[in-house]
Protein backbone atom coordinates (compact mmCIF):
# COMPACT_ATOMS: atom_id res chain seq x y z
CA UNK A 1 -6.43 15.50 -26.82
CA UNK A 2 -8.52 18.52 -28.11
CA UNK A 3 -11.39 17.75 -30.43
CA UNK A 4 -13.22 20.35 -32.73
CA UNK A 5 -16.40 18.97 -33.87
CA UNK A 6 -17.92 20.90 -36.39
CA UNK A 7 -21.14 20.41 -38.53
CA UNK A 8 -21.18 21.90 -42.01
CA UNK A 9 -24.51 22.95 -43.49
CA UNK A 10 -22.69 24.79 -46.48
CA UNK A 11 -23.32 28.41 -45.47
CA UNK A 12 -23.27 27.92 -41.62
CA UNK A 13 -20.83 25.89 -39.57
CA UNK A 14 -21.01 25.02 -35.96
CA UNK A 15 -17.82 24.38 -34.29
CA UNK A 16 -17.82 22.81 -30.77
CA UNK A 17 -14.95 23.08 -28.32
CA UNK A 18 -14.87 19.55 -27.24
CA UNK A 19 -12.20 18.49 -24.58
CA UNK A 20 -13.72 17.09 -21.41
CA UNK A 21 -13.99 17.95 -18.73
CA UNK A 22 -13.82 21.76 -19.35
CA UNK A 23 -13.10 22.38 -23.03
CA UNK A 24 -9.45 23.64 -22.04
CA UNK A 25 -7.01 24.71 -24.62
CA UNK A 26 -3.65 23.06 -25.29
CA UNK A 27 -1.21 24.29 -27.88
CA UNK A 28 -2.06 21.70 -30.33
CA UNK A 29 -5.79 22.39 -30.05
CA UNK A 30 -4.98 26.16 -30.56
CA UNK A 31 -3.42 25.33 -33.85
CA UNK A 32 -5.99 22.98 -34.90
CA UNK A 33 -8.52 25.89 -34.18
CA UNK A 34 -6.61 28.26 -36.25
CA UNK A 35 -5.96 25.96 -39.17
CA UNK A 36 -9.73 24.97 -39.10
CA UNK A 37 -10.70 28.72 -38.97
CA UNK A 38 -8.40 29.50 -42.11
CA UNK A 39 -9.66 26.45 -43.99
CA UNK A 40 -13.39 27.43 -43.65
CA UNK A 41 -12.58 31.08 -44.16
CA UNK A 42 -11.09 30.03 -47.53
CA UNK A 43 -14.50 28.50 -48.66
CA UNK A 44 -16.74 31.31 -49.83
CA UNK A 45 -19.89 29.35 -49.36
CA UNK A 46 -19.34 29.57 -45.68
CA UNK A 47 -20.85 32.68 -44.55
CA UNK A 48 -21.16 32.45 -40.48
CA UNK A 49 -19.33 30.37 -37.87
CA UNK A 50 -21.00 29.58 -34.59
CA UNK A 51 -18.72 28.62 -31.84
CA UNK A 52 -19.83 26.79 -28.83
CA UNK A 53 -18.60 24.54 -26.02
CA UNK A 54 -19.46 20.79 -25.40
CA UNK A 55 -21.58 19.98 -22.49
CA UNK A 56 -23.74 22.07 -20.42
CA UNK A 57 -21.39 23.60 -17.85
CA UNK A 58 -18.39 24.78 -19.85
CA UNK A 59 -18.03 27.07 -23.03
CA UNK A 60 -14.11 26.69 -22.28
CA UNK A 61 -12.08 27.11 -19.05
CA UNK A 62 -9.22 28.49 -20.95
CA UNK A 63 -5.45 27.25 -21.04
CA UNK A 64 -4.70 23.71 -19.76
CA UNK A 65 -2.52 24.91 -16.74
CA UNK A 66 -0.63 21.56 -16.66
CA UNK A 67 1.35 22.63 -19.40
CA UNK A 68 2.93 25.71 -17.22
CA UNK A 69 3.40 23.75 -14.09
CA UNK A 70 7.57 23.39 -14.73
CA UNK A 71 7.76 27.35 -15.62
CA UNK A 72 9.23 26.65 -19.14
CA UNK A 73 9.45 29.69 -21.19
CA UNK A 74 9.63 28.01 -24.60
CA UNK A 75 6.24 26.24 -23.65
CA UNK A 76 4.95 29.45 -22.63
CA UNK A 77 6.29 31.42 -25.93
CA UNK A 78 4.47 28.46 -27.79
CA UNK A 79 1.27 28.84 -26.07
CA UNK A 80 1.19 32.30 -26.43
CA UNK A 81 1.87 32.20 -30.13
CA UNK A 82 -0.99 29.61 -30.62
CA UNK A 83 -3.31 31.76 -28.47
CA UNK A 84 -2.62 34.72 -30.57
CA UNK A 85 -2.65 32.80 -33.87
CA UNK A 86 -5.90 31.14 -33.17
CA UNK A 87 -7.89 34.19 -32.08
CA UNK A 88 -6.52 36.68 -34.52
CA UNK A 89 -7.54 34.24 -37.26
CA UNK A 90 -11.03 34.55 -35.58
CA UNK A 91 -11.05 38.29 -35.33
CA UNK A 92 -9.71 38.67 -39.07
CA UNK A 93 -12.00 35.98 -40.61
CA UNK A 94 -14.40 37.13 -43.56
CA UNK A 95 -16.99 34.98 -42.03
CA UNK A 96 -19.33 36.41 -39.11
CA UNK A 97 -18.22 34.65 -36.13
CA UNK A 98 -20.81 34.26 -33.36
CA UNK A 99 -19.87 32.82 -29.83
CA UNK A 100 -22.69 30.66 -28.11
CA UNK A 101 -21.61 31.02 -24.51
CA UNK A 102 -23.18 27.76 -23.00
CA UNK A 103 -21.33 28.19 -19.60
CA UNK A 104 -18.09 29.18 -18.07
CA UNK A 105 -16.05 31.24 -20.30
CA UNK A 106 -12.59 31.59 -18.30
CA UNK A 107 -9.47 33.17 -19.42
CA UNK A 108 -8.75 31.87 -22.99
CA UNK A 109 -12.34 30.62 -23.20
CA UNK A 110 -13.37 34.31 -22.84
CA UNK A 111 -10.77 35.63 -25.34
CA UNK A 112 -12.08 32.99 -27.93
CA UNK A 113 -15.57 34.46 -27.27
CA UNK A 114 -13.88 38.24 -27.44
CA UNK A 115 -12.49 37.16 -30.91
CA UNK A 116 -15.94 36.59 -32.02
CA UNK A 117 -18.01 39.24 -33.71
CA UNK A 118 -20.98 38.64 -31.51
CA UNK A 119 -21.61 36.68 -28.32
CA UNK A 120 -24.53 35.38 -26.77
CA UNK A 121 -24.60 33.98 -23.35
CA UNK A 122 -26.82 31.73 -21.51
CA UNK A 123 -28.05 33.15 -18.17
CA UNK A 124 -25.93 30.77 -16.04
CA UNK A 125 -22.87 31.46 -17.58
CA UNK A 126 -19.94 33.14 -15.90
CA UNK A 127 -17.20 35.29 -17.74
CA UNK A 128 -13.61 35.84 -16.51
CA UNK A 129 -10.01 36.67 -17.13
CA UNK A 130 -8.42 35.13 -13.98
CA UNK A 131 -5.01 34.64 -15.34
CA UNK A 132 -3.33 37.02 -12.75
CA UNK A 133 -4.50 34.65 -9.93
CA UNK A 134 -2.06 31.97 -11.26
CA UNK A 135 0.84 34.18 -12.08
CA UNK A 136 -0.03 34.79 -15.68
CA UNK A 137 -1.91 37.39 -17.70
CA UNK A 138 -4.23 37.13 -20.83
CA UNK A 139 -2.20 36.37 -23.98
CA UNK A 140 -4.98 35.72 -26.58
CA UNK A 141 -5.79 39.31 -27.54
CA UNK A 142 -7.74 39.70 -24.27
CA UNK A 143 -5.94 42.93 -22.96
CA UNK A 144 -6.58 44.60 -26.36
CA UNK A 145 -10.08 43.35 -27.03
CA UNK A 146 -11.64 43.55 -23.52
CA UNK A 147 -11.19 47.20 -23.33
CA UNK A 148 -12.51 48.03 -26.65
CA UNK A 149 -15.83 46.43 -25.84
CA UNK A 150 -16.33 47.27 -22.32
CA UNK A 151 -13.99 50.27 -21.47
CA UNK A 152 -10.83 50.36 -19.58
CA UNK A 153 -12.64 50.51 -16.02
CA UNK A 154 -14.51 47.27 -16.42
CA UNK A 155 -11.53 45.85 -18.07
CA UNK A 156 -9.25 46.58 -15.32
CA UNK A 157 -11.73 45.32 -12.82
CA UNK A 158 -11.74 41.83 -14.55
CA UNK A 159 -8.15 41.64 -15.38
CA UNK A 160 -6.57 43.57 -12.27
CA UNK A 161 -8.82 42.34 -9.82
CA UNK A 162 -10.12 39.05 -11.04
CA UNK A 163 -13.49 39.89 -10.88
CA UNK A 164 -15.91 37.42 -12.30
CA UNK A 165 -18.94 38.64 -14.45
CA UNK A 166 -22.25 36.90 -14.57
CA UNK A 167 -24.31 36.98 -17.85
CA UNK A 168 -26.70 39.84 -16.65
CA UNK A 169 -23.70 42.07 -15.75
CA UNK A 170 -21.89 41.16 -19.01
CA UNK A 171 -24.99 42.31 -21.12
CA UNK A 172 -25.27 45.45 -19.03
CA UNK A 173 -21.39 46.45 -19.86
CA UNK A 174 -21.60 45.48 -23.36
CA UNK A 175 -19.45 42.17 -22.97
CA UNK A 176 -22.27 40.14 -24.50
CA UNK A 177 -25.10 41.21 -27.15
CA UNK A 178 -27.84 38.76 -25.82
CA UNK A 179 -28.66 36.62 -22.73
CA UNK A 180 -30.90 33.52 -23.25
CA UNK A 181 -32.17 30.62 -21.17
CA UNK A 182 -30.10 27.57 -20.33
CA UNK A 183 -29.42 25.72 -23.19
CA UNK A 184 -30.78 28.29 -25.59
CA UNK A 185 -27.44 30.02 -27.03
CA UNK A 186 -26.75 27.62 -29.98
CA UNK A 187 -30.34 27.92 -31.23
CA UNK A 188 -30.23 31.81 -30.85
CA UNK A 189 -26.76 32.01 -32.46
CA UNK A 190 -28.15 29.96 -35.44
CA UNK A 191 -31.17 32.14 -35.97
CA UNK A 192 -28.71 34.88 -36.18
CA UNK A 193 -26.46 33.14 -38.49
CA UNK A 194 -29.25 32.63 -40.72
CA UNK A 195 -29.96 36.46 -40.94
CA UNK A 196 -26.16 36.79 -41.90
CA UNK A 197 -26.72 34.40 -44.86
CA UNK A 198 -29.77 36.25 -45.96
CA UNK A 199 -27.44 39.49 -46.49
CA UNK A 200 -24.97 40.25 -49.38
CA UNK A 201 -21.66 38.45 -48.88
CA UNK A 202 -19.66 41.20 -50.34
CA UNK A 203 -21.55 43.80 -48.40
CA UNK A 204 -21.13 42.00 -45.15
CA UNK A 205 -17.21 41.23 -45.69
CA UNK A 206 -16.57 44.73 -46.63
CA UNK A 207 -18.39 46.16 -43.60
CA UNK A 208 -16.68 43.81 -41.15
CA UNK A 209 -13.26 44.95 -42.16
CA UNK A 210 -14.52 48.82 -42.02
CA UNK A 211 -15.90 48.22 -38.45
CA UNK A 212 -12.41 46.88 -37.46
CA UNK A 213 -10.67 50.11 -38.92
CA UNK A 214 -12.13 51.87 -35.91
CA UNK A 215 -10.98 49.45 -33.51
CA UNK A 216 -7.38 49.17 -35.06
CA UNK A 217 -6.81 52.95 -34.71
CA UNK A 218 -7.19 53.97 -38.34
CA UNK A 219 -7.40 57.66 -38.64
CA UNK A 220 -11.36 58.80 -38.78
CA UNK A 221 -10.85 60.78 -42.26
CA UNK A 222 -8.66 57.95 -43.79
CA UNK A 223 -11.28 55.27 -42.57
CA UNK A 224 -14.33 57.50 -44.06
CA UNK A 225 -12.45 57.66 -47.37
CA UNK A 226 -12.02 53.97 -47.39
CA UNK A 227 -16.00 53.46 -46.61
CA UNK A 228 -16.83 55.58 -49.62
CA UNK A 229 -14.49 53.47 -51.81
CA UNK A 230 -15.71 50.31 -50.72
CA UNK A 231 -19.57 51.68 -51.51
CA UNK A 232 -18.39 52.09 -54.88
CA UNK A 233 -16.52 48.98 -55.17
CA UNK A 234 -19.88 47.28 -54.32
CA UNK A 235 -21.12 48.49 -57.84
CA UNK A 236 -18.55 46.12 -59.73
CA UNK A 237 -20.30 43.11 -58.58
CA UNK A 238 -23.71 41.73 -59.56
CA UNK A 239 -24.80 41.53 -56.09
CA UNK A 240 -25.53 45.14 -55.69
CA UNK A 241 -27.80 45.09 -58.68
CA UNK A 242 -29.31 42.02 -57.44
CA UNK A 243 -29.87 43.38 -53.89
CA UNK A 244 -31.61 46.41 -54.96
CA UNK A 245 -33.81 44.96 -57.68
CA UNK A 246 -34.86 42.22 -55.21
CA UNK A 247 -35.88 44.72 -52.84
CA UNK A 248 -37.76 46.91 -55.50
CA UNK A 249 -39.49 43.82 -56.75
CA UNK A 250 -40.43 42.42 -53.35
CA UNK A 251 -38.70 39.19 -53.61
CA UNK A 252 -35.66 37.38 -51.98
CA UNK A 253 -32.28 38.26 -53.42
CA UNK A 254 -30.24 35.50 -55.05
CA UNK A 255 -26.70 36.19 -53.84
CA UNK A 256 -23.59 35.28 -55.93
CA UNK A 257 -21.11 33.18 -53.75
CA UNK A 258 -17.71 34.62 -54.62
CA UNK A 259 -14.40 35.29 -52.81
CA UNK A 260 -15.28 38.50 -50.66
CA UNK A 261 -11.61 39.01 -49.98
CA UNK A 262 -10.88 40.27 -53.24
CA UNK A 263 -10.73 44.10 -52.38
CA UNK A 264 -9.20 44.83 -48.91
CA UNK A 265 -10.44 47.42 -46.84
């Protein structure tokens, strides 16, 4: 059984991957993750999602390999579809998604972190995409997202040679944004999530989609044109006036919670 334990404080949700002993993913668990992310993303009041693993050792060890022992293609197809669906839902979410990597992030576990917007690793964490060592390959967006973050060379080292990366190396190559002491990733992620909540919901949602345009290969001229249009679109929303006037009046902005998906980038 795969458990998703989550705590909901209105604006920030903490989602814990919980399947002892290593928080490995099953097809049913991945579907549950996708549905949970989509449900939370449809709640305008939810501004940030923090994902972590249960226990002190594993963020997630990736796929439960027992499912692939008999070589069934249909089982493989279902698993690949579920990995892609869950992690694309994370990547495309309106919310800001922060991975608090509390230990080993292997295979699909690392792909889950890669699908997040920001990654914070504890100093003992180990990150890898070791699928080729067991006759498989990353199928949860890993072959596409990893090179975007760390470059083709490091992506090939990790996927084609099975190299494991410690937290310090992950920080150096841009695989994670912060390294913290053991046990400190969740608290650090929550502080970051609170900063997200202090910002304009519409501005953050538009900006995330615009940043993803660069990743998705949108021609620069077209992306810049959309960037300018979204800037102007913000003036149709009361938060633009509220944000500027709050700054000028040296007070905290009182943002309006609304559906930030109304205008697509």
